[in-house]
Amino acid sequence: VKFDFFAAESLATIKLDAACRQVVRHKIAVANPLMQPARFTGSTSESFFRFSPETLEVPPRSEKTMELIYRPLEEGEGEAEVTLKSPELGTYPYTVNWWWRIP
């Protein structure tokens, strides 16, 4: 039996719209179907995004949330990639479309 493995495509597009200098949070639910704990760590293609907590441990057969957080300092818009990685469960990529405006 031959197996072909491919990198996962974006699981969802997260749309973030914010006024400059305001903190915006977006919750991402992560589930662990395993019978052992699973750890998730967030990474981003843009330095102005961060995750809270930076690393999350999800107990067996349960679900928790991580927050994607940003605070825009100037006007702009664009697209970024954010990823949750778990040694136990793999990579979960997301696309973020962001728009920041002056209030």
C-alpha atoms as a PDB file:
ATOM      1  CA  VAL A   1       0.000   0.000   0.000  1.00  0.00           C
ATOM      2  CA  LYS A   2       1.372   3.388  -1.018  1.00  0.00           C
ATOM      3  CA  PHE A   3       0.583   6.493   1.044  1.00  0.00           C
ATOM      4  CA  ASP A   4       0.911  10.060  -0.194  1.00  0.00           C
ATOM      5  CA  PHE A   5       1.128  12.806   2.431  1.00  0.00           C
ATOM      6  CA  PHE A   6       0.405  16.466   1.737  1.00  0.00           C
ATOM      7  CA  ALA A   7       0.735  19.566   3.884  1.00  0.00           C
ATOM      8  CA  ALA A   8      -2.620  20.749   5.212  1.00  0.00           C
ATOM      9  CA  GLU A   9      -4.237  23.729   3.533  1.00  0.00           C
ATOM     10  CA  SER A  10      -5.785  26.538   5.542  1.00  0.00           C
ATOM     11  CA  LEU A  11      -8.559  25.170   7.759  1.00  0.00           C
ATOM     12  CA  ALA A  12     -10.397  28.514   7.915  1.00  0.00           C
ATOM     13  CA  THR A  13     -10.096  32.204   7.154  1.00  0.00           C
ATOM     14  CA  ILE A  14     -10.171  34.451  10.194  1.00  0.00           C
ATOM     15  CA  LYS A  15     -11.324  38.000   9.451  1.00  0.00           C
ATOM     16  CA  LEU A  16     -10.096  40.669  11.849  1.00  0.00           C
ATOM     17  CA  ASP A  17     -11.206  44.301  11.653  1.00  0.00           C
ATOM     18  CA  ALA A  18      -9.992  46.751  14.284  1.00  0.00           C
ATOM     19  CA  ALA A  19      -9.394  50.355  15.113  1.00  0.00           C
ATOM     20  CA  CYS A  20      -5.749  51.286  15.615  1.00  0.00           C
ATOM     21  CA  ARG A  21      -4.440  50.936  19.172  1.00  0.00           C
ATOM     22  CA  GLN A  22      -7.333  48.665  20.214  1.00  0.00           C
ATOM     23  CA  VAL A  23      -6.699  45.075  21.329  1.00  0.00           C
ATOM     24  CA  VAL A  24      -8.553  42.442  19.307  1.00  0.00           C
ATOM     25  CA  ARG A  25      -8.898  38.794  20.324  1.00  0.00           C
ATOM     26  CA  HIS A  26     -10.072  35.795  18.317  1.00  0.00           C
ATOM     27  CA  LYS A  27     -10.595  32.405  19.983  1.00  0.00           C
ATOM     28  CA  ILE A  28      -9.533  29.223  18.205  1.00  0.00           C
ATOM     29  CA  ALA A  29     -10.896  25.956  19.619  1.00  0.00           C
ATOM     30  CA  VAL A  30      -8.514  22.987  19.670  1.00  0.00           C
ATOM     31  CA  ALA A  31      -9.714  19.457  20.358  1.00  0.00           C
ATOM     32  CA  ASN A  32      -7.726  16.474  21.534  1.00  0.00           C
ATOM     33  CA  PRO A  33      -9.306  13.131  20.553  1.00  0.00           C
ATOM     34  CA  LEU A  34      -6.357  11.151  21.937  1.00  0.00           C
ATOM     35  CA  MET A  35      -6.142   9.208  25.189  1.00  0.00           C
ATOM     36  CA  GLN A  36      -3.056  11.243  26.173  1.00  0.00           C
ATOM     37  CA  PRO A  37      -2.483  15.017  26.596  1.00  0.00           C
ATOM     38  CA  ALA A  38      -1.654  17.034  23.470  1.00  0.00           C
ATOM     39  CA  ARG A  39       0.375  20.269  23.387  1.00  0.00           C
ATOM     40  CA  PHE A  40      -0.242  23.086  20.904  1.00  0.00           C
ATOM     41  CA  THR A  41       2.073  25.997  20.135  1.00  0.00           C
ATOM     42  CA  GLY A  42       1.075  28.964  17.988  1.00  0.00           C
ATOM     43  CA  SER A  43       3.241  30.652  15.354  1.00  0.00           C
ATOM     44  CA  THR A  44       2.531  33.492  12.916  1.00  0.00           C
ATOM     45  CA  SER A  45       3.938  34.906   9.687  1.00  0.00           C
ATOM     46  CA  GLU A  46       3.591  38.453  11.110  1.00  0.00           C
ATOM     47  CA  SER A  47       5.208  39.669  14.331  1.00  0.00           C
ATOM     48  CA  PHE A  48       2.202  41.799  15.361  1.00  0.00           C
ATOM     49  CA  PHE A  49       0.100  38.696  16.092  1.00  0.00           C
ATOM     50  CA  ARG A  50       0.612  36.586  19.204  1.00  0.00           C
ATOM     51  CA  PHE A  51      -1.079  33.668  20.934  1.00  0.00           C
ATOM     52  CA  SER A  52      -2.288  33.428  24.510  1.00  0.00           C
ATOM     53  CA  PRO A  53      -1.257  31.180  26.004  1.00  0.00           C
ATOM     54  CA  GLU A  54       1.879  30.650  23.891  1.00  0.00           C
ATOM     55  CA  THR A  55       1.669  26.909  24.544  1.00  0.00           C
ATOM     56  CA  LEU A  56      -1.516  25.088  25.490  1.00  0.00           C
ATOM     57  CA  GLU A  57      -1.871  21.567  26.874  1.00  0.00           C
ATOM     58  CA  VAL A  58      -5.224  19.939  26.127  1.00  0.00           C
ATOM     59  CA  PRO A  59      -6.189  16.993  28.342  1.00  0.00           C
ATOM     60  CA  PRO A  60      -7.185  13.684  26.735  1.00  0.00           C
ATOM     61  CA  ARG A  61     -10.534  13.664  24.920  1.00  0.00           C
ATOM     62  CA  SER A  62     -11.291  17.315  25.618  1.00  0.00           C
ATOM     63  CA  GLU A  63     -11.209  20.773  24.072  1.00  0.00           C
ATOM     64  CA  LYS A  64      -9.710  24.160  25.004  1.00  0.00           C
ATOM     65  CA  THR A  65      -9.218  27.494  23.284  1.00  0.00           C
ATOM     66  CA  MET A  66      -6.210  29.618  22.362  1.00  0.00           C
ATOM     67  CA  GLU A  67      -6.566  33.317  21.631  1.00  0.00           C
ATOM     68  CA  LEU A  68      -5.027  35.051  18.643  1.00  0.00           C
ATOM     69  CA  ILE A  69      -4.288  38.595  19.836  1.00  0.00           C
ATOM     70  CA  TYR A  70      -3.201  41.758  18.086  1.00  0.00           C
ATOM     71  CA  ARG A  71      -3.101  45.485  18.684  1.00  0.00           C
ATOM     72  CA  PRO A  72      -2.636  47.442  15.447  1.00  0.00           C
ATOM     73  CA  LEU A  73      -0.562  50.603  15.730  1.00  0.00           C
ATOM     74  CA  GLU A  74      -1.153  52.047  12.259  1.00  0.00           C
ATOM     75  CA  GLU A  75      -3.604  51.803   9.376  1.00  0.00           C
ATOM     76  CA  GLY A  76      -3.298  48.932   6.934  1.00  0.00           C
ATOM     77  CA  GLU A  77      -4.656  45.670   5.639  1.00  0.00           C
ATOM     78  CA  GLY A  78      -3.295  42.345   4.517  1.00  0.00           C
ATOM     79  CA  GLU A  79      -3.165  38.608   4.863  1.00  0.00           C
ATOM     80  CA  ALA A  80      -1.151  36.482   7.264  1.00  0.00           C
ATOM     81  CA  GLU A  81      -0.735  32.813   8.103  1.00  0.00           C
ATOM     82  CA  VAL A  82      -1.089  31.560  11.657  1.00  0.00           C
ATOM     83  CA  THR A  83      -0.416  27.978  12.650  1.00  0.00           C
ATOM     84  CA  LEU A  84      -1.068  25.787  15.645  1.00  0.00           C
ATOM     85  CA  LYS A  85       1.424  22.932  15.888  1.00  0.00           C
ATOM     86  CA  SER A  86       1.123  19.826  18.012  1.00  0.00           C
ATOM     87  CA  PRO A  87       3.763  17.076  18.165  1.00  0.00           C
ATOM     88  CA  GLU A  88       0.930  14.645  18.858  1.00  0.00           C
ATOM     89  CA  LEU A  89      -1.685  15.848  16.322  1.00  0.00           C
ATOM     90  CA  GLY A  90       0.155  17.745  13.586  1.00  0.00           C
ATOM     91  CA  THR A  91      -0.197  21.184  12.031  1.00  0.00           C
ATOM     92  CA  TYR A  92      -3.334  23.324  11.897  1.00  0.00           C
ATOM     93  CA  PRO A  93      -2.892  26.282   9.489  1.00  0.00           C
ATOM     94  CA  TYR A  94      -5.240  29.284   9.304  1.00  0.00           C
ATOM     95  CA  THR A  95      -5.365  32.343   7.048  1.00  0.00           C
ATOM     96  CA  VAL A  96      -5.954  35.748   8.654  1.00  0.00           C
ATOM     97  CA  ASN A  97      -7.357  38.627   6.615  1.00  0.00           C
ATOM     98  CA  TRP A  98      -6.816  41.778   8.649  1.00  0.00           C
ATOM     99  CA  TRP A  99      -7.893  45.394   8.282  1.00  0.00           C
ATOM    100  CA  TRP A 100      -6.882  48.204  10.623  1.00  0.00           C
ATOM    101  CA  ARG A 101      -8.318  51.677  10.491  1.00  0.00           C
ATOM    102  CA  ILE A 102      -8.015  54.978  12.317  1.00  0.00           C
ATOM    103  CA  PRO A 103     -11.081  55.515  14.528  1.00  0.00           C
END
